[in-house]
Protein backbone atom coordinates (compact mmCIF):
# COMPACT_ATOMS: atom_id res chain seq x y z
CA ILE A 1 -34.78 87.90 -220.06
CA SER A 2 -35.45 91.59 -220.33
CA PHE A 3 -33.20 91.78 -223.19
CA LEU A 4 -35.06 88.72 -225.41
CA VAL A 5 -38.16 90.70 -224.64
CA GLU A 6 -36.74 93.91 -225.54
CA ARG A 7 -35.21 92.28 -228.66
CA LYS A 8 -38.71 90.89 -229.33
CA ASP A 9 -37.67 87.28 -229.38
CA THR A 10 -40.45 86.16 -226.62
CA ALA A 11 -39.77 82.64 -227.72
CA GLN A 12 -36.30 82.78 -226.69
CA ALA A 13 -37.03 84.68 -223.59
CA LYS A 14 -39.60 81.72 -222.75
CA VAL A 15 -37.24 78.89 -222.58
CA VAL A 16 -34.58 81.14 -220.53
CA LEU A 17 -37.61 82.02 -218.20
CA ALA A 18 -38.33 78.71 -217.54
CA GLU A 19 -34.65 77.61 -216.84
CA ALA A 20 -34.65 80.45 -214.63
CA ARG A 21 -37.83 79.29 -212.63
CA ALA A 22 -36.43 75.71 -212.46
CA ALA A 23 -33.39 77.15 -210.90
CA LEU A 24 -35.30 79.62 -208.59
CA PRO A 25 -38.91 78.48 -208.42
CA ASN A 26 -39.62 80.50 -205.49
CA ASN A 27 -38.06 84.01 -206.98
CA GLU A 28 -40.81 86.48 -207.28
CA ARG A 29 -39.39 88.42 -209.94
CA LEU A 30 -39.37 85.68 -212.25
CA ALA A 31 -42.80 84.54 -211.17
CA MET A 32 -44.24 88.16 -212.30
CA MET A 33 -42.28 87.86 -215.44
CA GLN A 34 -43.50 84.81 -216.12
CA GLN A 35 -47.08 86.11 -215.50
CA GLN A 36 -46.65 89.28 -217.97
CA LEU A 37 -45.05 86.83 -220.69
CA GLU A 38 -48.13 84.54 -220.17
CA VAL A 39 -50.71 87.40 -220.48
CA THR A 40 -49.01 89.79 -223.15
CA GLY A 41 -46.20 88.12 -224.95
CA GLY A 42 -43.69 90.56 -223.57
CA ALA A 43 -43.05 93.00 -221.11
CA ILE A 44 -45.88 95.48 -219.29
CA ALA A 45 -47.01 98.28 -221.78
CA SER A 46 -49.84 100.81 -221.79
CA GLY A 47 -52.57 98.78 -222.91
CA MET A 48 -51.74 95.83 -220.87
CA ASP A 49 -55.04 94.06 -219.83
CA LEU A 50 -54.85 94.19 -215.84
CA GLN A 51 -57.66 91.94 -215.27
CA GLN A 52 -56.11 89.20 -217.49
CA LEU A 53 -53.00 89.45 -215.23
CA ALA A 54 -55.13 89.02 -211.92
CA ASP A 55 -56.68 86.26 -213.37
CA VAL A 56 -52.93 84.18 -214.13
CA VAL A 57 -51.99 85.18 -210.46
CA ALA A 58 -55.29 84.40 -209.24
CA LYS A 59 -54.55 80.61 -210.42
CA ASP A 60 -52.23 80.68 -207.08
CA PRO A 61 -54.43 80.17 -204.14
CA GLN A 62 -51.55 81.95 -201.87
CA ARG A 63 -51.75 85.26 -204.24
CA GLN A 64 -55.15 85.54 -203.58
CA ASP A 65 -54.45 89.23 -202.46
CA ARG A 66 -52.04 90.05 -205.02
CA ALA A 67 -54.61 89.51 -207.80
CA LYS A 68 -57.48 91.68 -205.52
CA PHE A 69 -54.81 94.31 -205.58
CA ILE A 70 -54.12 94.07 -209.56
CA ARG A 71 -58.34 94.18 -209.91
CA ALA A 72 -58.28 97.57 -207.68
CA LEU A 73 -55.25 98.92 -209.45
CA ASP A 74 -56.97 98.18 -212.84
CA ALA A 75 -60.48 99.69 -211.05
CA ALA A 76 -58.60 103.30 -210.18
CA ARG A 77 -56.86 103.51 -213.55
CA LYS A 78 -60.56 103.08 -215.48
CA ALA A 79 -61.94 105.25 -213.16
CA GLY A 80 -59.56 107.82 -213.84
CA ARG A 81 -58.78 107.79 -210.11
CA LEU A 82 -54.69 108.16 -210.69
CA GLY A 83 -54.71 111.28 -210.48
CA ASP A 84 -56.00 111.51 -207.16
CA PRO A 85 -52.91 111.57 -204.47
CA ALA A 86 -54.84 110.11 -201.78
CA GLU A 87 -56.07 107.69 -204.19
CA ARG A 88 -52.29 107.16 -205.07
CA GLU A 89 -51.50 106.93 -201.44
CA ARG A 90 -53.99 104.07 -200.96
CA LEU A 91 -52.55 101.97 -203.76
CA LYS A 92 -49.28 102.53 -202.33
CA ALA A 93 -49.97 101.37 -199.18
CA GLU A 94 -51.75 98.01 -200.36
CA ALA A 95 -48.65 97.14 -202.69
CA LEU A 96 -46.36 97.44 -199.98
CA VAL A 97 -46.67 93.90 -199.52
CA ALA A 98 -44.42 92.83 -202.51
CA PRO A 99 -42.03 94.85 -204.52
CA ALA A 100 -43.54 93.50 -207.65
CA LEU A 101 -46.59 95.05 -207.19
CA LEU A 102 -45.04 98.38 -206.54
CA VAL A 103 -43.06 97.97 -209.61
CA LEU A 104 -46.48 97.61 -211.48
CA THR A 105 -48.23 100.33 -209.97
CA ALA A 106 -45.18 102.98 -210.76
CA ARG A 107 -45.44 101.24 -214.26
CA VAL A 108 -49.02 101.57 -214.86
CA LEU A 109 -48.99 105.26 -213.45
CA ALA A 110 -46.48 106.02 -215.77
CA THR A 111 -48.57 104.51 -219.01
CA ASP A 112 -51.96 106.10 -217.86
CA THR A 113 -54.03 108.56 -219.78
CA PRO A 114 -52.48 111.39 -219.00
CA PRO A 115 -49.16 109.53 -217.78
CA ARG A 116 -48.61 110.42 -213.78
CA LEU A 117 -44.34 110.54 -214.76
CA GLN A 118 -43.55 112.45 -211.47
CA ALA A 119 -45.70 110.20 -209.37
CA ALA A 120 -44.39 107.02 -210.48
CA ALA A 121 -40.91 108.45 -210.64
CA GLN A 122 -41.42 109.40 -206.83
CA LEU A 123 -42.84 105.50 -205.88
CA ILE A 124 -40.22 104.20 -208.00
CA ARG A 125 -37.48 106.10 -206.06
CA GLU A 126 -39.66 104.56 -202.75
CA THR A 127 -39.47 101.14 -203.76
CA MET A 128 -35.62 101.39 -204.74
CA ALA A 129 -34.54 103.01 -201.45
CA SER A 130 -36.78 99.78 -199.72
CA HIS A 131 -36.01 97.27 -202.03
CA PRO A 132 -32.28 98.22 -203.84
CA ALA A 133 -31.79 94.59 -204.60
CA ASN A 134 -34.88 94.84 -206.71
CA ILE A 135 -34.08 94.80 -210.54
CA GLU A 136 -37.40 95.61 -212.28
CA ALA A 137 -37.34 98.50 -210.11
CA ALA A 138 -33.97 99.71 -211.29
CA VAL A 139 -35.15 98.89 -214.99
CA LEU A 140 -38.21 101.33 -214.74
CA GLY A 141 -36.55 103.71 -212.75
CA VAL A 142 -34.36 104.43 -215.57
CA ASP A 143 -37.01 104.77 -218.36
CA ILE A 144 -39.00 106.91 -216.18
CA TYR A 145 -36.71 109.35 -214.99
CA ARG A 146 -35.19 109.60 -218.62
CA SER A 147 -39.00 110.74 -219.04
CA VAL A 148 -38.83 113.38 -216.68
CA ASN A 149 -35.37 114.33 -217.33
CA ASP A 150 -34.03 113.41 -213.97
CA TRP A 151 -30.59 112.31 -214.73
CA ASN A 152 -29.22 112.22 -211.50
CA SER A 153 -31.86 109.90 -210.66
CA MET A 154 -31.75 107.98 -213.70
CA LEU A 155 -27.73 107.66 -213.05
CA ASN A 156 -28.40 105.91 -209.59
CA ALA A 157 -31.14 103.44 -211.33
CA ALA A 158 -28.73 102.65 -213.94
CA MET A 159 -25.42 102.06 -211.81
CA ALA A 160 -28.00 99.82 -209.51
CA TRP A 161 -29.29 97.81 -212.71
CA GLN A 162 -25.31 97.48 -213.63
CA GLN A 163 -24.45 96.07 -210.14
CA LEU A 164 -27.27 93.78 -209.99
CA THR A 165 -27.17 92.36 -213.61
CA ARG A 166 -23.79 93.32 -215.34
CA ALA A 167 -26.52 93.70 -218.57
CA LYS A 168 -24.96 95.62 -221.37
CA ASP A 169 -28.14 97.74 -221.83
CA SER A 170 -27.49 98.80 -218.25
CA ASP A 171 -23.98 100.10 -219.67
CA VAL A 172 -25.84 101.95 -221.89
CA ALA A 173 -28.36 103.92 -220.00
CA VAL A 174 -25.50 104.37 -217.50
CA ALA A 175 -23.75 106.39 -220.36
CA GLU A 176 -26.64 108.31 -221.39
CA ALA A 177 -27.09 109.63 -218.05
CA ARG A 178 -23.82 110.86 -217.69
CA LEU A 179 -23.92 112.70 -220.93
CA ASN A 180 -26.78 114.27 -220.05
CA LEU A 181 -25.36 115.12 -216.92
CA GLY A 182 -21.93 116.70 -219.02
CA GLN A 183 -19.83 113.78 -217.93
CA ARG A 184 -19.01 113.48 -221.39
CA ASP A 185 -15.46 111.51 -221.38
CA ALA A 186 -16.63 108.98 -218.48
CA ALA A 187 -19.88 108.42 -221.54
CA VAL A 188 -17.65 107.86 -224.11
CA THR A 189 -15.05 105.84 -222.42
CA LEU A 190 -17.93 103.54 -221.30
CA LEU A 191 -19.68 103.36 -224.79
CA ARG A 192 -16.15 102.76 -226.59
CA THR A 193 -16.39 98.79 -224.89
CA ARG A 194 -19.52 98.35 -226.79
CA LEU A 195 -18.79 100.06 -230.30
CA PRO A 196 -17.15 97.36 -232.14
CA GLU A 197 -20.24 95.39 -231.36
CA ALA A 198 -22.51 98.34 -232.62
CA LEU A 199 -20.41 98.99 -235.54
CA ALA A 200 -20.56 95.30 -236.64
CA ASN A 201 -24.47 95.20 -236.41
CA PRO A 202 -25.61 99.24 -237.09
CA ALA A 203 -29.28 98.21 -237.70
CA ASP A 204 -29.47 96.77 -234.23
CA GLU A 205 -31.66 98.28 -231.68
CA PHE A 206 -28.92 97.97 -228.88
CA SER A 207 -26.26 99.30 -231.48
CA PHE A 208 -28.30 102.08 -232.31
CA ARG A 209 -28.10 103.38 -229.04
CA VAL A 210 -24.85 103.03 -228.41
CA LEU A 211 -23.68 104.63 -231.64
CA ASN A 212 -26.24 107.43 -230.87
CA LEU A 213 -24.86 108.24 -227.54
CA TYR A 214 -21.51 107.67 -228.58
CA GLY A 215 -21.45 110.29 -231.59
CA ARG A 216 -23.46 112.70 -229.35
CA GLY A 217 -21.13 112.05 -226.63
CA LEU A 218 -18.06 112.92 -229.12
CA ILE A 219 -19.96 116.17 -231.02
CA ALA A 220 -20.36 117.70 -227.58
CA ASP A 221 -16.92 117.37 -226.76
CA ASN A 222 -16.31 119.15 -230.13
CA LYS A 223 -15.05 116.17 -232.10
CA ALA A 224 -17.23 116.05 -234.69
CA ALA A 225 -14.85 115.40 -237.22
CA GLN A 226 -13.72 111.99 -235.25
CA ALA A 227 -17.59 111.21 -235.09
CA PHE A 228 -17.99 111.39 -238.69
CA ASP A 229 -15.30 109.46 -239.56
CA GLU A 230 -15.95 106.79 -237.34
CA LEU A 231 -19.41 106.31 -237.82
CA ALA A 232 -20.36 107.03 -241.38
CA PRO A 233 -20.00 103.63 -242.37
CA ALA A 234 -22.48 102.40 -240.02
CA MET A 235 -25.11 105.43 -241.50
CA GLU A 236 -24.41 104.07 -244.83
CA LYS A 237 -25.55 100.68 -243.60
CA SER A 238 -28.62 101.50 -241.02
CA ALA A 239 -31.71 103.54 -242.03
CA LEU A 240 -32.09 103.46 -238.22
CA VAL A 241 -29.02 105.47 -237.85
CA ARG A 242 -29.22 108.01 -240.65
CA SER A 243 -32.92 108.77 -239.42
CA GLY A 244 -32.28 108.54 -235.67
CA PHE A 245 -28.67 109.88 -235.29
CA TRP A 246 -27.06 111.45 -238.40
CA LEU A 247 -29.35 113.61 -239.49
CA PRO A 248 -31.09 114.72 -236.64
CA VAL A 249 -27.40 115.79 -235.37
CA ALA A 250 -27.03 117.50 -238.99
CA GLY A 251 -30.07 119.50 -238.09
CA THR A 252 -29.41 120.47 -234.21
CA ALA A 253 -26.35 119.76 -232.71
CA LEU A 254 -23.12 120.63 -235.34
CA ALA A 255 -21.77 124.13 -234.89
CA SER A 256 -21.80 125.43 -238.28
CA GLU A 257 -24.12 125.72 -241.65
CA PRO A 258 -21.34 124.16 -243.67
CA LEU A 259 -20.57 121.33 -241.11
CA SER A 260 -24.16 120.85 -241.41
CA ARG A 261 -24.42 120.67 -245.36
CA ARG A 262 -21.58 118.39 -245.38
CA TRP A 263 -23.34 116.01 -243.07
CA ILE A 264 -26.38 115.87 -245.06
CA GLU A 265 -24.57 115.72 -248.04
CA ARG A 266 -22.59 112.54 -246.95
CA ALA A 267 -26.07 110.78 -246.04
CA THR A 268 -28.17 111.69 -249.11
CA PRO A 269 -27.30 109.18 -251.21
CA HIS A 270 -27.85 106.56 -248.79
CA ILE A 271 -31.57 107.83 -248.27
CA ASN A 272 -34.35 105.26 -249.30
CA MET A 273 -36.20 108.46 -250.41
CA SER A 274 -39.48 105.73 -250.96
CA ASP A 275 -39.65 105.10 -247.29
CA GLU A 276 -41.77 107.84 -246.19
CA SER A 277 -39.80 107.73 -242.88
CA GLU A 278 -36.50 108.35 -244.11
CA ALA A 279 -37.66 110.85 -246.42
CA LEU A 280 -39.35 113.15 -243.59
CA SER A 281 -36.45 112.56 -241.71
CA LEU A 282 -34.20 114.49 -244.12
CA ALA A 283 -37.36 117.05 -244.73
CA GLY A 284 -37.12 117.87 -241.27
CA THR A 285 -33.53 118.17 -241.00
CA LEU A 286 -33.61 120.87 -243.81
CA ALA A 287 -36.66 122.49 -242.02
CA GLN A 288 -34.24 122.90 -238.98
CA LEU A 289 -31.63 124.45 -240.92
CA ALA A 290 -34.14 126.86 -242.22
CA SER A 291 -35.19 127.90 -238.30
CA ARG A 292 -31.32 128.03 -237.57
CA PHE A 293 -30.10 129.76 -240.45
CA PRO A 294 -32.13 132.28 -241.63
CA GLU A 295 -29.96 133.95 -244.62
CA SER A 296 -30.28 130.23 -245.88
CA ARG A 297 -33.86 130.00 -244.43
CA ASP A 298 -35.51 129.69 -248.61
CA THR A 299 -33.10 127.39 -250.11
CA TYR A 300 -33.90 124.92 -247.07
CA THR A 301 -37.61 125.24 -247.13
CA THR A 302 -37.88 124.81 -250.81
CA GLN A 303 -35.85 121.60 -250.59
CA ALA A 304 -37.77 120.48 -247.90
CA MET A 305 -40.83 121.00 -249.54
CA GLY A 306 -39.79 119.01 -252.31
CA ILE A 307 -39.53 116.17 -250.55
CA ILE A 308 -42.80 116.45 -248.73
CA ARG A 309 -45.35 117.58 -251.77
CA PRO A 310 -45.13 114.14 -253.26
CA LEU A 311 -46.05 112.40 -250.05
CA THR A 312 -49.03 115.00 -248.78
CA ALA A 313 -49.99 114.97 -252.65
CA ARG A 314 -51.12 111.29 -252.35
CA ALA A 315 -54.62 110.06 -252.34
CA GLU A 316 -54.48 109.00 -248.34
CA PRO A 317 -51.31 111.38 -246.81
CA SER A 318 -50.40 110.15 -243.91
CA PRO A 319 -51.03 112.33 -240.62
CA ARG A 320 -47.12 112.33 -240.40
CA ALA A 321 -46.62 113.75 -243.55
CA LEU A 322 -48.98 116.60 -243.01
CA GLU A 323 -47.71 117.59 -239.58
CA ALA A 324 -44.35 118.20 -241.35
CA GLN A 325 -45.67 119.86 -244.35
CA GLY A 326 -47.67 122.46 -241.67
CA THR A 327 -44.38 122.64 -239.62
CA LEU A 328 -42.46 123.68 -242.79
CA GLU A 329 -45.22 125.61 -243.82
CA GLN A 330 -44.85 127.52 -240.18
CA ILE A 331 -41.57 128.13 -240.55
CA ALA A 332 -41.44 129.70 -243.86
CA GLY A 333 -44.11 132.56 -242.52
CA ARG A 334 -46.89 130.73 -244.45
CA PHE A 335 -49.57 130.61 -241.62
CA SER A 336 -52.55 130.09 -243.41
CA GLU A 337 -51.40 127.13 -245.37
CA SER A 338 -50.02 125.65 -242.09
CA LYS A 339 -53.18 126.07 -240.31
CA ALA A 340 -54.36 124.43 -243.33
CA SER A 341 -51.91 121.52 -243.36
CA PHE A 342 -52.19 120.90 -239.30
CA ALA A 343 -56.12 120.90 -239.51
CA LYS A 344 -56.10 117.85 -242.13
CA ALA A 345 -53.44 116.16 -240.16
CA LEU A 346 -56.08 116.39 -237.17
CA GLU A 347 -58.79 114.90 -239.43
CA ARG A 348 -56.55 112.01 -240.27
CA ASP A 349 -55.94 111.65 -236.60
CA PRO A 350 -57.85 113.43 -233.90
CA ARG A 351 -55.12 112.56 -231.24
CA SER A 352 -52.34 114.39 -233.43
CA ILE A 353 -50.32 116.38 -230.57
CA PHE A 354 -47.72 118.04 -233.15
CA ALA A 355 -51.15 119.35 -235.11
CA LEU A 356 -53.05 120.48 -231.90
CA ARG A 357 -49.53 122.23 -230.82
CA GLY A 358 -49.24 123.81 -234.44
CA LEU A 359 -52.56 125.03 -233.99
CA ALA A 360 -52.66 126.18 -230.99
CA GLN A 361 -49.19 128.60 -231.77
CA LEU A 362 -50.88 129.54 -234.86
CA ASN A 363 -53.91 131.24 -233.52
CA ILE A 364 -52.53 132.87 -230.29
CA VAL A 365 -52.31 136.13 -232.17
CA ASP A 366 -55.86 135.88 -234.07
CA ASP A 367 -58.02 133.61 -231.93
CA ALA A 368 -57.04 133.27 -228.65
CA ASP A 369 -60.09 131.01 -227.43
CA LYS A 370 -59.07 128.38 -230.13
CA ALA A 371 -55.64 128.55 -229.46
CA ALA A 372 -56.24 127.86 -225.89
CA ASP A 373 -58.78 124.75 -227.03
CA PHE A 374 -55.73 123.37 -228.94
CA ALA A 375 -53.66 123.90 -226.25
CA ALA A 376 -55.60 122.14 -223.84
CA LYS A 377 -56.04 118.97 -225.80
CA ALA A 378 -52.56 118.96 -226.65
CA LEU A 379 -51.97 119.35 -223.03
CA ALA A 380 -54.72 116.25 -222.19
CA LEU A 381 -52.67 114.13 -224.70
CA GLY A 382 -49.14 114.96 -223.60
CA GLY A 383 -49.86 114.69 -219.87
CA PRO A 384 -48.70 116.72 -217.30
CA ASP A 385 -45.14 116.36 -217.43
CA ASP A 386 -44.91 117.37 -221.31
CA LEU A 387 -42.82 120.55 -221.31
CA ILE A 388 -43.56 121.22 -224.97
CA SER A 389 -47.19 121.42 -224.78
CA LEU A 390 -47.16 123.10 -221.16
CA THR A 391 -45.41 125.84 -222.86
CA ILE A 392 -47.78 126.24 -225.68
CA ALA A 393 -50.31 126.14 -223.19
CA ALA A 394 -48.99 129.02 -220.65
CA GLN A 395 -48.76 130.78 -223.93
CA ALA A 396 -52.12 130.41 -224.96
CA PHE A 397 -53.78 130.60 -221.79
CA SER A 398 -52.18 134.07 -221.01
CA ALA A 399 -53.55 135.40 -224.68
CA GLN A 400 -56.83 134.45 -223.73
CA ALA A 401 -56.66 136.00 -220.26
CA ASP A 402 -55.60 139.19 -222.41
CA SER A 403 -58.09 138.66 -224.75
CA LEU A 404 -61.05 137.89 -222.27
CA THR A 405 -59.67 141.11 -220.07
CA ALA A 406 -59.77 143.21 -223.34
CA ARG A 407 -63.85 141.82 -223.81
CA ASN A 408 -64.44 142.82 -220.27
CA GLN A 409 -65.17 138.99 -218.95
CA PRO A 410 -62.92 139.31 -215.71
CA THR A 411 -64.45 136.11 -214.43
CA ALA A 412 -63.19 134.27 -217.46
CA ALA A 413 -60.26 135.76 -217.72
CA SER A 414 -59.21 135.13 -214.23
CA HIS A 415 -59.99 131.52 -214.59
CA ALA A 416 -57.75 131.53 -217.68
CA TRP A 417 -54.76 133.51 -216.02
CA ASP A 418 -55.53 130.42 -213.47
CA LYS A 419 -54.67 127.72 -216.03
CA ALA A 420 -51.62 129.73 -217.35
CA ARG A 421 -50.27 129.95 -213.46
CA THR A 422 -50.66 126.30 -213.39
CA ALA A 423 -49.00 125.49 -216.60
CA PHE A 424 -45.88 128.14 -215.89
CA SER A 425 -45.65 126.36 -212.33
CA LYS A 426 -45.01 123.17 -213.65
CA MET A 427 -42.18 124.45 -216.09
CA VAL A 428 -40.52 126.61 -213.31
CA ALA A 429 -40.55 123.59 -210.91
CA ALA A 430 -38.80 121.55 -214.09
CA GLN A 431 -36.63 124.49 -215.14
CA PRO A 432 -36.04 126.84 -211.84
CA ASN A 433 -33.07 128.86 -213.64
CA ASP A 434 -35.41 130.11 -216.70
CA VAL A 435 -35.80 133.84 -216.03
CA MET A 436 -38.61 133.76 -218.96
CA LEU A 437 -40.84 131.22 -217.56
CA ARG A 438 -40.48 132.68 -214.09
CA LEU A 439 -41.59 136.22 -215.52
CA GLY A 440 -44.72 134.46 -217.19
CA LEU A 441 -45.68 132.85 -213.94
CA ILE A 442 -45.11 136.26 -212.07
CA ARG A 443 -47.69 137.42 -214.80
CA ALA A 444 -50.43 134.81 -214.55
CA LEU A 445 -50.12 135.14 -210.77
CA ASP A 446 -50.59 138.86 -211.16
CA GLY A 447 -53.30 138.47 -213.70
CA ALA A 448 -55.03 135.97 -211.25
CA GLY A 449 -55.19 138.44 -208.25
CA ARG A 450 -52.35 136.93 -206.44
CA VAL A 451 -49.84 139.32 -206.03
CA ALA A 452 -48.42 138.37 -202.84
CA ASP A 453 -47.11 135.05 -204.45
CA THR A 454 -45.38 136.89 -206.83
CA ILE A 455 -42.79 138.05 -204.58
CA THR A 456 -40.81 135.14 -203.65
CA HIS A 457 -40.51 134.92 -207.47
CA TYR A 458 -38.98 138.23 -207.75
CA GLU A 459 -36.61 137.35 -205.09
CA SER A 460 -35.14 134.40 -207.34
CA LEU A 461 -35.17 136.86 -210.12
CA ILE A 462 -33.42 140.19 -208.78
CA ASN A 463 -30.43 137.58 -207.64
CA ALA A 464 -30.04 136.14 -211.04
CA ARG A 465 -26.54 136.02 -212.21
CA GLN A 466 -27.89 136.90 -215.88
CA PHE A 467 -30.56 137.80 -217.74
CA PRO A 468 -31.63 136.79 -221.48
CA PRO A 469 -32.09 139.89 -223.90
CA GLY A 470 -34.42 142.47 -223.38
CA VAL A 471 -34.72 141.61 -219.28
CA GLU A 472 -33.19 144.13 -217.25
CA ARG A 473 -32.48 143.94 -213.56
CA TRP A 474 -33.25 147.66 -213.00
CA ALA A 475 -37.08 146.73 -214.56
CA LEU A 476 -37.49 143.78 -212.42
CA LEU A 477 -36.69 145.90 -209.17
CA ASN A 478 -39.31 148.33 -210.51
CA ASN A 479 -41.94 145.93 -210.89
CA PHE A 480 -41.13 143.89 -207.42
CA ALA A 481 -41.13 147.43 -205.48
CA ASP A 482 -44.81 147.95 -207.10
CA ALA A 483 -45.71 144.08 -206.30
CA LEU A 484 -44.96 144.65 -202.70
CA VAL A 485 -46.87 147.99 -202.63
CA ARG A 486 -49.67 146.38 -204.06
CA ALA A 487 -49.37 142.84 -201.90
CA ASN A 488 -49.81 145.44 -198.93
CA ARG A 489 -48.81 142.91 -196.46
CA ASN A 490 -46.89 145.12 -194.12
CA SER A 491 -44.51 148.41 -193.86
CA LEU A 492 -41.61 146.43 -193.77
CA ASP A 493 -42.15 145.56 -197.35
CA ILE A 494 -43.39 149.09 -198.01
CA GLU A 495 -39.75 150.26 -197.07
CA ARG A 496 -38.09 147.76 -198.85
CA ALA A 497 -40.23 148.60 -201.87
CA LYS A 498 -38.26 152.18 -201.28
CA GLY A 499 -35.24 150.34 -201.50
CA LEU A 500 -35.34 148.26 -204.54
CA ILE A 501 -36.87 151.43 -206.49
CA THR A 502 -34.33 153.74 -205.38
CA GLU A 503 -31.44 151.36 -206.51
CA ALA A 504 -33.31 150.95 -209.81
CA ILE A 505 -33.55 154.49 -210.35
CA GLN A 506 -29.59 154.88 -209.29
CA VAL A 507 -28.94 152.69 -212.49
CA ARG A 508 -31.51 154.66 -214.98
CA PRO A 509 -32.01 157.91 -213.34
CA ASP A 510 -33.95 159.14 -216.98
CA VAL A 511 -36.59 156.06 -216.70
CA ALA A 512 -40.29 158.06 -216.02
CA ALA A 513 -41.65 154.79 -215.02
CA LEU A 514 -39.21 154.53 -212.18
CA GLN A 515 -40.54 157.98 -210.62
CA ASP A 516 -43.83 156.94 -210.83
CA THR A 517 -43.37 153.75 -208.82
CA LEU A 518 -41.17 155.61 -206.66
CA ALA A 519 -44.54 157.96 -205.93
CA HIS A 520 -46.36 155.11 -205.34
CA VAL A 521 -44.28 153.96 -202.71
CA GLN A 522 -44.54 157.27 -201.13
CA VAL A 523 -47.76 157.63 -201.08
CA ALA A 524 -47.90 154.06 -199.11
CA ARG A 525 -45.57 155.50 -196.69
CA SER A 526 -48.01 158.38 -196.60
CA ASP A 527 -45.44 160.68 -197.56
CA ARG A 528 -47.39 163.04 -199.79
CA ALA A 529 -44.65 165.48 -200.37
CA ALA A 530 -42.19 162.88 -201.29
CA ALA A 531 -44.92 161.37 -203.53
CA ILE A 532 -45.58 164.86 -205.53
CA ALA A 533 -42.22 165.59 -205.82
CA ALA A 534 -41.81 161.82 -207.27
CA TYR A 535 -45.00 162.62 -209.92
CA ARG A 536 -43.24 165.31 -210.96
CA LYS A 537 -39.91 164.57 -211.62
CA ALA A 538 -41.87 161.58 -214.06
CA VAL A 539 -43.72 164.04 -215.77
CA GLU A 540 -40.41 166.06 -216.22
CA LEU A 541 -38.61 163.14 -218.02
CA ASP A 542 -41.90 162.35 -219.99
CA PRO A 543 -44.30 165.16 -220.10
CA GLN A 544 -46.93 162.76 -221.88
CA PHE A 545 -46.34 160.13 -218.75
CA TRP A 546 -50.54 160.53 -218.01
CA ALA A 547 -50.23 158.46 -215.28
CA SER A 548 -48.03 160.46 -213.24
């Protein structure tokens, strides 16, 4: 039934559902499916009218409590209370009477504005643990865990779905999770069992998912030539495969520029340039190559602009075309034109998250307040789990805090730093090994006056195995020592600061700033003579080091 609904064959889904209900009249999952189909004509979506669903449920005298719960859930959603942890706990407690209500609550959380994906993921995790035979929880879990990039949990949900139903969609979900976990051989082997069907019908949505994952698995395993040979016939027959797999892979996943060009050249004769979606897919691929290969940037941007200009020259250009033009102009360094294109896209669609993100990035240097405003709007649309909007927002809020500090507005600057801290904290939680994100969080915490809170993050950084270009461990040791002194927690911290800065100086004895930090440490230790000696050493190394 789920498969038929996904294929939008609602009529046949209702036929099969009627047969299932006749055989299993007391099955709650089938009852909920029937209610969904009666109310919406399909599966629950973000815009579903929960009041209508409650009315359907209320027709059964034995389900009045469930109807009451659905109305309460709808009221909480409309009042914006789903962001309140206490409200979510209350709803969860009331939904415990039936797994169908728990799944419904998770779905509503995931499709709220903004989406509450982490809360939905946690609820589905608990539901699957307490109701391991519930198919709906497993299926929804696959979608939610995918959205938060929790591939281990997605694999567990997909395998539960697979064991409970043997549905072919569950095979694809298992393969997708394995591929994202780096288990390429297992993923490709599983997908190969579905490959003949997918190659025979490449325009089908299910077939596309198989071909997309299979091809990406081969490429990740350095078998791009095999992917090219096996999947080119499907690409030629299917616009979905061209736009959803072939061109994106050519733009981002292939190892070399000549290989990318070969894939594009193979696809170009089959692209319907009168179809805006296909044309923009090709232009987007060329824009990606312009970013990846700076030596050929002018060539690719010229080719891409030649595709986009006719689309944006129309009397009523689409927001997507304007977004593409703005992105391309941004890549080409034509920032004023890019701002204008994004602004036009926003006029046509005030909810264009791509335009909001682009305008936030483009205004960070010249107008940090405006950048922060655009970033906040993008974040409101994308939700608290939108890592792209979070990244841009963190940068914009940090720039705004710097700007406000320079304008002598310390209270407003502290507020901006706190917003940057919130954004960076969420990104660090999602990507704990990213050194640059943790450095951004440290800077935001410091700016917000929370120096003591930086210490655990410095602990994590100095134990990292490798650092990105421009980040040196001795510099982190210096900053960590300085933070320990400024946090002023206890004498043990001060002694540790001395050890850290001494280690840094052993690596770089020629850096005046390290001697300056050592002097600060010695002041904190009340060792006046040692502090003076360190200050003198700093000035000796750099006579213009005015701080010392």
